[in-house]
């Protein structure tokens, strides 16, 4: 007889255990259930706060994202930009280096590209674009390597370090804009708007070429992490530093190299902002993508191809939420309501990850039986 049984102790009412394996069908069912629950909760929330038909609100969300060609193009653009930042964070997170400095690394890449674009407008366009690209990649990589060096040699907290460096990068951009803006302007304005020196060529519309380039980076990053020796080292370092050292892996070099790659991709995204999309720079150039991409990585469980789906979902609700709050369905459906609707959906997706990784079991009610011992 077990000790707990002998003492009359009961097993816990709720027991959480890690799943050893789960089939793709079970994953799909859990994901679908989480989406259904999110839609149900959001519908109930809309009904309570506005008294309006929830499907009317959902229609506005869809219309704000895919309502016409312009909105569709904007959705695709923002989806790929968010995806690009998530891809940049992917190798660092695979190594369990919690890089939350994507915003700063993007800004430094954008700043390098913008400075060269404005300083050398007479350079042949192809050469100028190439120099801007290299400068952005180097700037982003260097900005990413700074916290990596401190982590590798002095074991500093990379989360706080990379977070604080965002604010330093913002101030560098603000300083550059202040030094180079016009006397009557509060912003830098469009750079080389007349001759378009340093502008990426347009294929159909301004979104197509950046989308293609980000797709190429996604595939390249997948093969780098999954198929290459360096990618294997990243995985081993992320799983166990002691195992990596025992296997003869230079942990410090891997940390610095991986963050250089992460920062370089962020710098490339900054280049796309300046050369391919906005043609200017400000402290809000990267928006909140540096932080939103963290959510994409976690929701996708560091699967680069699933990041496409979750980037689209997040952009869908962000843009749809803006459309909902500007609609005249109900005054109650304002910016706060839109954020709650988005939060419910994201929370449901995060919870689905928990149920995919863990099994929740409840204690079964034991049937009382009469003891016949001693009779």
Protein backbone atom coordinates (compact mmCIF):
# COMPACT_ATOMS: atom_id res chain seq x y z
CA UNK A 1 0.00 0.00 0.00
CA UNK A 2 1.33 3.48 -0.90
CA UNK A 3 2.19 5.88 1.90
CA UNK A 4 -0.41 8.44 0.79
CA UNK A 5 -3.12 5.81 0.72
CA UNK A 6 -2.12 4.51 4.13
CA UNK A 7 -2.38 8.03 5.57
CA UNK A 8 -5.75 8.53 3.90
CA UNK A 9 -4.43 11.45 1.81
CA UNK A 10 -6.33 12.30 -1.35
CA UNK A 11 -4.74 13.08 -4.69
CA UNK A 12 -4.92 16.76 -5.85
CA UNK A 13 -8.25 17.86 -7.31
CA UNK A 14 -6.47 19.30 -10.37
CA UNK A 15 -3.31 17.78 -11.76
CA UNK A 16 -1.31 19.38 -14.58
CA UNK A 17 1.13 17.20 -16.45
CA UNK A 18 3.23 17.81 -19.54
CA UNK A 19 2.11 16.09 -22.72
CA UNK A 20 4.66 13.70 -24.16
CA UNK A 21 3.14 13.80 -27.61
CA UNK A 22 0.14 15.36 -29.30
CA UNK A 23 -1.16 14.68 -32.78
CA UNK A 24 -1.62 17.42 -35.40
CA UNK A 25 -5.36 16.72 -35.28
CA UNK A 26 -5.47 17.40 -31.53
CA UNK A 27 -3.48 20.61 -32.02
CA UNK A 28 -5.95 21.75 -34.67
CA UNK A 29 -8.93 20.95 -32.45
CA UNK A 30 -7.45 22.92 -29.53
CA UNK A 31 -6.64 25.89 -31.78
CA UNK A 32 -10.11 25.85 -33.33
CA UNK A 33 -11.73 25.62 -29.90
CA UNK A 34 -9.73 28.62 -28.67
CA UNK A 35 -10.82 30.68 -31.70
CA UNK A 36 -14.46 29.67 -31.14
CA UNK A 37 -14.29 30.63 -27.46
CA UNK A 38 -12.70 33.99 -28.35
CA UNK A 39 -15.43 34.76 -30.89
CA UNK A 40 -18.12 33.78 -28.39
CA UNK A 41 -16.65 35.91 -25.57
CA UNK A 42 -16.12 38.89 -27.90
CA UNK A 43 -19.67 38.58 -29.23
CA UNK A 44 -21.03 38.52 -25.68
CA UNK A 45 -18.91 41.54 -24.76
CA UNK A 46 -20.12 43.53 -27.80
CA UNK A 47 -23.73 42.64 -27.01
CA UNK A 48 -23.41 43.72 -23.37
CA UNK A 49 -21.61 47.05 -23.91
CA UNK A 50 -23.44 48.19 -27.05
CA UNK A 51 -26.65 46.20 -27.28
CA UNK A 52 -25.97 45.80 -31.01
CA UNK A 53 -25.71 42.71 -33.17
CA UNK A 54 -22.16 41.35 -32.65
CA UNK A 55 -21.96 40.16 -36.25
CA UNK A 56 -22.41 43.76 -37.39
CA UNK A 57 -19.29 44.66 -35.41
CA UNK A 58 -17.39 41.66 -36.77
CA UNK A 59 -18.38 42.80 -40.26
CA UNK A 60 -16.82 46.21 -39.60
CA UNK A 61 -13.63 44.54 -38.39
CA UNK A 62 -13.43 42.52 -41.60
CA UNK A 63 -14.28 45.55 -43.72
CA UNK A 64 -11.52 47.58 -42.08
CA UNK A 65 -8.98 44.93 -43.02
CA UNK A 66 -10.08 43.61 -46.42
CA UNK A 67 -12.82 46.08 -47.40
CA UNK A 68 -11.16 47.33 -50.58
CA UNK A 69 -7.92 47.07 -52.53
CA UNK A 70 -6.18 49.83 -50.56
CA UNK A 71 -7.07 48.27 -47.20
CA UNK A 72 -6.06 44.83 -48.43
CA UNK A 73 -2.69 46.12 -49.64
CA UNK A 74 -2.10 47.91 -46.34
CA UNK A 75 -2.94 44.73 -44.43
CA UNK A 76 -0.50 42.69 -46.51
CA UNK A 77 2.22 45.31 -46.02
CA UNK A 78 1.85 45.43 -42.24
CA UNK A 79 1.60 41.64 -42.02
CA UNK A 80 4.91 41.17 -43.79
CA UNK A 81 6.62 43.90 -41.76
CA UNK A 82 5.48 42.28 -38.52
CA UNK A 83 6.53 38.90 -39.89
CA UNK A 84 9.96 40.30 -40.74
CA UNK A 85 10.54 41.48 -37.17
CA UNK A 86 9.34 38.12 -35.81
CA UNK A 87 11.81 36.34 -38.10
CA UNK A 88 14.55 38.62 -36.76
CA UNK A 89 13.74 37.64 -33.17
CA UNK A 90 13.46 33.95 -34.04
CA UNK A 91 17.17 32.94 -33.78
CA UNK A 92 17.65 34.88 -30.54
CA UNK A 93 14.60 33.26 -28.95
CA UNK A 94 15.67 29.84 -30.19
CA UNK A 95 18.83 30.47 -28.17
CA UNK A 96 16.67 31.68 -25.22
CA UNK A 97 18.19 35.14 -25.50
CA UNK A 98 15.15 37.31 -24.78
CA UNK A 99 15.67 40.13 -27.24
CA UNK A 100 13.02 42.81 -26.72
CA UNK A 101 15.14 45.41 -28.48
CA UNK A 102 13.74 44.88 -31.95
CA UNK A 103 12.40 48.43 -32.06
CA UNK A 104 15.82 49.94 -31.37
CA UNK A 105 17.58 47.68 -33.85
CA UNK A 106 15.05 48.61 -36.55
CA UNK A 107 15.47 52.31 -35.80
CA UNK A 108 19.26 52.13 -35.96
CA UNK A 109 19.07 50.36 -39.32
CA UNK A 110 16.56 52.92 -40.57
CA UNK A 111 18.71 55.78 -39.26
CA UNK A 112 21.81 54.52 -41.07
CA UNK A 113 19.84 54.11 -44.32
CA UNK A 114 18.17 57.52 -44.01
CA UNK A 115 21.43 59.33 -43.23
CA UNK A 116 23.15 57.90 -46.32
CA UNK A 117 20.07 58.44 -48.47
CA UNK A 118 19.96 62.13 -47.52
CA UNK A 119 23.73 62.71 -47.60
CA UNK A 120 24.49 61.19 -51.01
CA UNK A 121 21.50 61.81 -53.34
CA UNK A 122 23.78 62.13 -56.41
CA UNK A 123 25.19 58.61 -56.16
CA UNK A 124 23.77 56.24 -58.85
CA UNK A 125 20.55 54.75 -57.53
CA UNK A 126 21.59 51.08 -57.59
CA UNK A 127 24.84 51.83 -55.78
CA UNK A 128 23.09 54.12 -53.28
CA UNK A 129 20.51 51.46 -52.44
CA UNK A 130 23.27 48.88 -51.98
CA UNK A 131 25.23 51.18 -49.63
CA UNK A 132 22.06 51.97 -47.67
CA UNK A 133 21.29 48.27 -47.34
CA UNK A 134 24.78 47.40 -46.09
CA UNK A 135 24.79 50.34 -43.66
CA UNK A 136 21.38 49.38 -42.25
CA UNK A 137 22.40 45.74 -41.77
CA UNK A 138 25.69 46.69 -40.10
CA UNK A 139 23.99 49.25 -37.82
CA UNK A 140 21.30 46.79 -36.76
CA UNK A 141 23.85 44.03 -36.20
CA UNK A 142 26.12 46.30 -34.15
CA UNK A 143 23.19 47.45 -32.02
CA UNK A 144 22.23 43.83 -31.40
CA UNK A 145 25.78 42.79 -30.58
CA UNK A 146 26.18 45.28 -27.72
CA UNK A 147 23.84 43.47 -25.28
CA UNK A 148 25.11 40.13 -26.61
CA UNK A 149 28.70 40.97 -25.64
CA UNK A 150 27.62 41.99 -22.15
CA UNK A 151 25.56 38.80 -21.83
CA UNK A 152 28.37 36.58 -23.10
CA UNK A 153 31.13 38.02 -20.91
CA UNK A 154 29.34 39.36 -17.85
CA UNK A 155 25.98 37.52 -17.88
CA UNK A 156 23.91 40.71 -17.78
CA UNK A 157 20.12 40.59 -18.05
CA UNK A 158 19.45 40.73 -21.79
CA UNK A 159 15.77 41.62 -21.39
CA UNK A 160 16.45 44.84 -19.48
CA UNK A 161 19.53 45.64 -21.57
CA UNK A 162 17.79 45.35 -24.94
CA UNK A 163 14.71 47.16 -23.62
CA UNK A 164 16.75 50.15 -22.41
CA UNK A 165 18.63 50.31 -25.70
CA UNK A 166 15.32 50.98 -27.47
CA UNK A 167 15.13 54.35 -25.72
CA UNK A 168 18.72 55.19 -26.62
CA UNK A 169 17.99 54.41 -30.29
CA UNK A 170 14.86 56.59 -30.18
CA UNK A 171 16.93 59.53 -28.91
CA UNK A 172 19.49 59.05 -31.68
CA UNK A 173 16.67 59.28 -34.24
CA UNK A 174 15.14 62.33 -32.53
CA UNK A 175 18.54 64.04 -32.52
CA UNK A 176 19.07 63.30 -36.23
CA UNK A 177 15.63 64.62 -37.16
CA UNK A 178 16.16 67.79 -35.10
CA UNK A 179 19.48 68.44 -36.82
CA UNK A 180 18.19 67.84 -40.36
CA UNK A 181 14.57 68.98 -40.44
CA UNK A 182 13.50 72.17 -42.14
CA UNK A 183 13.18 75.43 -40.22
CA UNK A 184 9.39 75.43 -40.53
CA UNK A 185 8.87 71.67 -40.21
CA UNK A 186 8.59 69.43 -37.17
CA UNK A 187 9.61 66.31 -39.13
CA UNK A 188 12.29 65.28 -41.60
CA UNK A 189 9.80 64.97 -44.45
CA UNK A 190 10.10 62.76 -47.51
CA UNK A 191 13.76 62.20 -48.42
CA UNK A 192 14.70 62.75 -52.10
CA UNK A 193 11.04 63.10 -53.04
CA UNK A 194 11.79 64.67 -56.42
CA UNK A 195 14.48 62.44 -57.95
CA UNK A 196 13.65 59.45 -55.68
CA UNK A 197 17.31 58.60 -55.12
CA UNK A 198 17.64 55.63 -52.80
CA UNK A 199 14.05 54.50 -53.33
CA UNK A 200 13.49 50.81 -53.97
CA UNK A 201 11.88 50.03 -57.35
CA UNK A 202 8.13 49.44 -57.30
CA UNK A 203 6.79 46.11 -58.57
CA UNK A 204 3.07 46.65 -59.04
CA UNK A 205 2.85 48.52 -55.74
CA UNK A 206 5.27 49.42 -52.96
CA UNK A 207 4.33 46.33 -50.93
CA UNK A 208 5.32 43.63 -53.42
CA UNK A 209 9.12 43.86 -53.34
CA UNK A 210 9.41 44.11 -49.51
CA UNK A 211 7.04 41.14 -49.21
CA UNK A 212 9.20 39.08 -51.58
CA UNK A 213 12.41 40.00 -49.75
CA UNK A 214 10.93 39.15 -46.34
CA UNK A 215 9.68 35.82 -47.71
CA UNK A 216 13.20 35.01 -48.91
CA UNK A 217 14.60 35.85 -45.47
CA UNK A 218 11.99 33.61 -43.82
CA UNK A 219 13.04 30.60 -45.91
CA UNK A 220 16.74 31.37 -45.44
CA UNK A 221 16.33 31.71 -41.67
CA UNK A 222 14.46 28.40 -41.51
CA UNK A 223 17.26 26.55 -43.29
CA UNK A 224 19.89 28.35 -41.22
CA UNK A 225 18.36 27.30 -37.89
CA UNK A 226 17.10 23.83 -38.87
CA UNK A 227 19.68 22.63 -41.41
CA UNK A 228 23.00 24.33 -40.67
CA UNK A 229 25.73 23.57 -38.14
CA UNK A 230 25.47 27.10 -36.74
CA UNK A 231 21.72 26.68 -36.31
CA UNK A 232 22.30 23.43 -34.44
CA UNK A 233 24.67 25.29 -32.11
CA UNK A 234 22.00 27.92 -31.48
CA UNK A 235 19.53 25.18 -30.50
CA UNK A 236 21.99 23.43 -28.19
CA UNK A 237 22.95 26.68 -26.43
CA UNK A 238 19.26 27.42 -25.94
CA UNK A 239 18.55 24.01 -24.44
CA UNK A 240 21.54 23.77 -22.11
CA UNK A 241 24.66 25.88 -21.69
CA UNK A 242 26.46 23.05 -19.92
CA UNK A 243 25.69 20.61 -22.72
CA UNK A 244 26.91 23.15 -25.27
CA UNK A 245 30.19 23.65 -23.42
CA UNK A 246 30.62 19.89 -22.99
CA UNK A 247 30.12 19.47 -26.76
CA UNK A 248 32.91 21.96 -27.39
CA UNK A 249 30.67 24.79 -28.61
CA UNK A 250 32.02 28.31 -28.10
CA UNK A 251 28.98 29.66 -26.25
CA UNK A 252 30.16 33.27 -26.21
CA UNK A 253 30.74 33.28 -29.95
CA UNK A 254 27.32 31.72 -30.60
CA UNK A 255 25.55 34.34 -28.45
CA UNK A 256 27.29 37.25 -30.16
CA UNK A 257 26.91 35.79 -33.66
CA UNK A 258 23.22 35.01 -33.20
CA UNK A 259 22.38 38.46 -31.89
CA UNK A 260 24.34 39.99 -34.75
CA UNK A 261 22.08 38.06 -37.16
CA UNK A 262 18.96 39.06 -35.23
CA UNK A 263 19.99 42.72 -35.24
CA UNK A 264 21.00 42.57 -38.91
CA UNK A 265 17.54 41.38 -39.95
CA UNK A 266 15.96 44.13 -37.82
CA UNK A 267 18.28 46.61 -39.53
CA UNK A 268 17.12 45.25 -42.89
CA UNK A 269 13.49 45.90 -41.87
CA UNK A 270 14.54 49.46 -41.02
CA UNK A 271 16.04 49.75 -44.51
CA UNK A 272 12.73 48.61 -46.03
CA UNK A 273 10.87 51.29 -44.07
CA UNK A 274 13.15 54.04 -45.37
CA UNK A 275 13.94 52.89 -48.90
CA UNK A 276 10.82 50.95 -49.83
CA UNK A 277 7.85 52.27 -47.85
CA UNK A 278 7.95 55.53 -45.88
CA UNK A 279 10.99 57.24 -47.47
CA UNK A 280 11.58 59.09 -44.22
CA UNK A 281 12.38 58.40 -40.59
CA UNK A 282 10.96 59.38 -37.22
CA UNK A 283 11.00 57.99 -33.70
CA UNK A 284 7.77 56.13 -34.53
CA UNK A 285 9.06 54.53 -37.74
CA UNK A 286 8.89 50.97 -36.41
CA UNK A 287 5.66 51.48 -34.48
CA UNK A 288 5.13 48.80 -31.84
CA UNK A 289 6.24 45.93 -34.08
CA UNK A 290 9.34 45.28 -31.99
CA UNK A 291 7.10 44.25 -29.10
CA UNK A 292 4.19 42.78 -31.07
CA UNK A 293 6.63 40.44 -32.83
CA UNK A 294 7.42 38.91 -29.43
CA UNK A 295 3.77 37.80 -29.21
CA UNK A 296 3.96 36.39 -32.74
CA UNK A 297 7.01 34.30 -31.83
CA UNK A 298 5.36 32.85 -28.74
CA UNK A 299 2.03 32.14 -30.43
CA UNK A 300 3.83 30.38 -33.29
CA UNK A 301 5.94 28.40 -30.81
CA UNK A 302 9.01 29.60 -32.76
CA UNK A 303 7.75 28.03 -35.98
CA UNK A 304 8.69 30.53 -38.72
CA UNK A 305 5.92 29.40 -41.06
CA UNK A 306 3.23 29.65 -38.38
CA UNK A 307 4.46 33.20 -37.81
CA UNK A 308 2.86 34.11 -41.15
CA UNK A 309 -0.57 33.10 -39.84
CA UNK A 310 -0.24 34.83 -36.48
CA UNK A 311 1.16 38.00 -38.01
CA UNK A 312 -1.90 38.15 -40.25
CA UNK A 313 -4.27 37.48 -37.33
CA UNK A 314 -2.77 40.24 -35.18
CA UNK A 315 -2.74 42.78 -38.02
CA UNK A 316 -6.32 41.76 -38.90
CA UNK A 317 -7.57 42.59 -35.42
CA UNK A 318 -5.45 45.72 -35.04
CA UNK A 319 -6.65 47.27 -38.28
CA UNK A 320 -10.16 45.91 -37.83
CA UNK A 321 -10.27 47.38 -34.34
CA UNK A 322 -9.42 50.82 -35.71
CA UNK A 323 -12.23 50.46 -38.24
CA UNK A 324 -14.65 49.38 -35.52
CA UNK A 325 -13.94 52.36 -33.27
CA UNK A 326 -14.35 54.79 -36.18
CA UNK A 327 -17.67 53.23 -37.19
CA UNK A 328 -20.98 54.58 -35.94
CA UNK A 329 -22.39 51.29 -34.70
CA UNK A 330 -22.33 52.44 -31.08
CA UNK A 331 -20.42 55.05 -29.02
CA UNK A 332 -19.59 52.22 -26.61
CA UNK A 333 -17.45 50.54 -29.26
CA UNK A 334 -14.54 52.93 -28.81
CA UNK A 335 -10.77 52.41 -28.73
CA UNK A 336 -10.94 50.74 -25.31
CA UNK A 337 -13.57 48.27 -26.48
CA UNK A 338 -11.51 47.49 -29.58
CA UNK A 339 -8.44 46.77 -27.45
CA UNK A 340 -10.47 44.45 -25.21
CA UNK A 341 -11.74 42.54 -28.26
CA UNK A 342 -8.16 42.13 -29.53
CA UNK A 343 -6.89 41.16 -26.07
CA UNK A 344 -9.54 38.44 -25.65
CA UNK A 345 -8.56 36.87 -28.95
CA UNK A 346 -4.82 36.95 -28.23
CA UNK A 347 -5.36 35.62 -24.71
CA UNK A 348 -7.37 32.71 -26.10
CA UNK A 349 -4.57 31.85 -28.51
CA UNK A 350 -2.01 31.95 -25.70
CA UNK A 351 -4.20 29.71 -23.55
CA UNK A 352 -4.44 27.25 -26.44
CA UNK A 353 -0.63 26.94 -26.33
CA UNK A 354 -0.91 25.95 -22.67
CA UNK A 355 -3.40 23.17 -23.42
CA UNK A 356 -1.24 21.95 -26.30
CA UNK A 357 1.78 21.60 -24.02
CA UNK A 358 0.02 20.42 -20.86
CA UNK A 359 -2.76 18.04 -19.90
CA UNK A 360 -5.21 19.09 -17.17
CA UNK A 361 -6.76 16.22 -15.23
CA UNK A 362 -9.40 16.43 -12.52
CA UNK A 363 -9.66 13.97 -9.65
CA UNK A 364 -12.40 11.46 -10.23
CA UNK A 365 -14.94 10.99 -7.46
CA UNK A 366 -14.13 7.77 -5.72
CA UNK A 367 -16.97 5.38 -5.12
CA UNK A 368 -17.51 4.60 -1.49
CA UNK A 369 -17.40 0.93 -0.75
CA UNK A 370 -17.98 -0.88 2.45
CA UNK A 371 -15.00 -2.61 3.89
CA UNK A 372 -15.54 -6.24 4.61
CA UNK A 373 -12.18 -6.75 6.16
CA UNK A 374 -12.28 -8.12 9.68
CA UNK A 375 -15.84 -9.34 9.32
